[in-house]
Protein backbone atom coordinates (compact mmCIF):
# COMPACT_ATOMS: atom_id res chain seq x y z
CA MET A 1 -9.56 1.49 -19.44
CA MET A 2 -12.03 3.86 -17.96
CA GLY A 3 -10.81 6.05 -15.12
CA ILE A 4 -7.10 5.56 -15.74
CA THR A 5 -5.13 7.90 -17.93
CA GLU A 6 -1.68 7.46 -19.38
CA ASN A 7 -0.44 10.32 -17.16
CA GLU A 8 -0.92 8.37 -13.94
CA PRO A 9 2.16 6.43 -12.83
CA GLU A 10 1.60 2.79 -11.95
CA GLU A 11 3.70 3.07 -8.79
CA PHE A 12 4.01 6.17 -6.64
CA GLN A 13 5.31 7.10 -3.20
CA VAL A 14 3.06 6.78 -0.18
CA VAL A 15 3.61 7.80 3.43
CA LEU A 16 2.69 5.14 5.98
CA LYS A 17 0.07 6.00 8.60
CA ASP A 18 0.45 2.60 10.33
CA ASP A 19 3.27 0.14 11.05
CA PHE A 20 3.51 -2.93 8.78
CA LYS A 21 5.37 -6.16 9.51
CA ALA A 22 7.45 -7.96 6.89
CA LYS A 23 10.34 -10.38 6.89
CA GLU A 24 13.61 -9.12 5.47
CA GLY A 25 14.77 -10.95 2.34
CA ARG A 26 11.35 -11.15 0.68
CA GLU A 27 9.39 -8.45 -1.17
CA LYS A 28 5.90 -8.08 0.30
CA TYR A 29 2.68 -6.60 -1.08
CA ILE A 30 0.19 -5.46 1.57
CA PHE A 31 -3.42 -4.43 0.96
CA VAL A 32 -4.04 -0.87 2.21
CA LYS A 33 -6.46 2.02 1.94
CA ILE A 34 -4.70 4.85 0.08
CA LYS A 35 -5.94 8.40 0.58
CA LYS A 36 -4.69 11.63 -0.94
CA GLU A 37 -4.38 14.40 1.63
CA ASP A 38 -2.74 17.80 1.07
CA GLY A 39 -1.20 16.62 -2.22
CA ALA A 40 0.45 13.49 -0.77
CA TYR A 41 -0.67 9.86 -0.70
CA TYR A 42 -1.05 8.09 2.65
CA ALA A 43 -1.46 4.35 3.32
CA TYR A 44 -3.69 3.05 6.12
CA ASN A 45 -3.94 -0.51 7.40
CA SER A 46 -7.05 -2.23 6.01
CA GLY A 47 -7.05 -5.28 8.27
CA SER A 48 -5.58 -8.75 8.60
CA GLN A 49 -3.41 -9.87 5.68
CA CYS A 50 -4.10 -13.61 6.10
CA SER A 51 -5.00 -15.26 2.81
CA ASN A 52 -8.42 -16.36 4.11
CA HIS A 53 -9.43 -12.87 5.33
CA LEU A 54 -11.11 -11.20 2.38
CA ARG A 55 -12.23 -8.16 4.37
CA ALA A 56 -8.79 -6.54 4.02
CA MET A 57 -9.01 -6.83 0.25
CA CYS A 58 -12.59 -5.52 0.21
CA ASN A 59 -11.61 -2.51 2.34
CA SER A 60 -8.54 -1.73 0.20
CA ASN A 61 -8.02 0.37 -2.88
CA GLY A 62 -4.29 -0.26 -3.24
CA VAL A 63 -1.17 -2.07 -2.13
CA ILE A 64 2.12 -0.96 -0.68
CA ILE A 65 5.31 -2.68 -1.76
CA ILE A 66 7.83 -3.38 0.97
CA PRO A 67 11.25 -4.04 -0.63
CA LYS A 68 12.95 -7.31 0.26
CA ASN A 69 15.83 -5.55 2.03
CA SER A 70 13.57 -3.46 4.31
CA GLY A 71 11.82 -5.80 6.72
CA SER A 72 9.13 -4.14 8.85
CA VAL A 73 8.30 -0.49 8.16
CA LYS A 74 7.08 2.19 10.56
CA VAL A 75 4.68 5.13 10.56
CA GLY A 76 6.05 8.05 8.53
CA GLU A 77 8.29 5.97 6.28
CA VAL A 78 7.85 6.31 2.52
CA VAL A 79 7.41 3.25 0.31
CA ASN A 80 6.06 2.62 -3.19
CA GLY A 81 2.39 1.87 -3.65
CA LYS A 82 -0.15 1.44 -6.40
CA PHE A 83 -3.90 1.48 -6.82
CA ILE A 84 -5.80 -1.75 -7.42
CA PHE A 85 -9.26 -0.12 -7.25
CA ARG A 86 -10.29 3.51 -7.34
């Protein structure tokens, strides 16, 4: 694929710049805008996560993965993320 090299990990750690809600007991993928700043990746809220709101997906370049045992996560916490678009 163009733009992706074998050296780039599929999942990587991102620092949250916004709070995200999730129910404990279920892994959740949330569309976000991921930016690299000062050598670290940061995740920003990209809008409503309702299935009929496509704007969040259009404004996103990645997802964060909230583990099923975590529940809601807060600003500054570190979770795994991955790019869906560059």
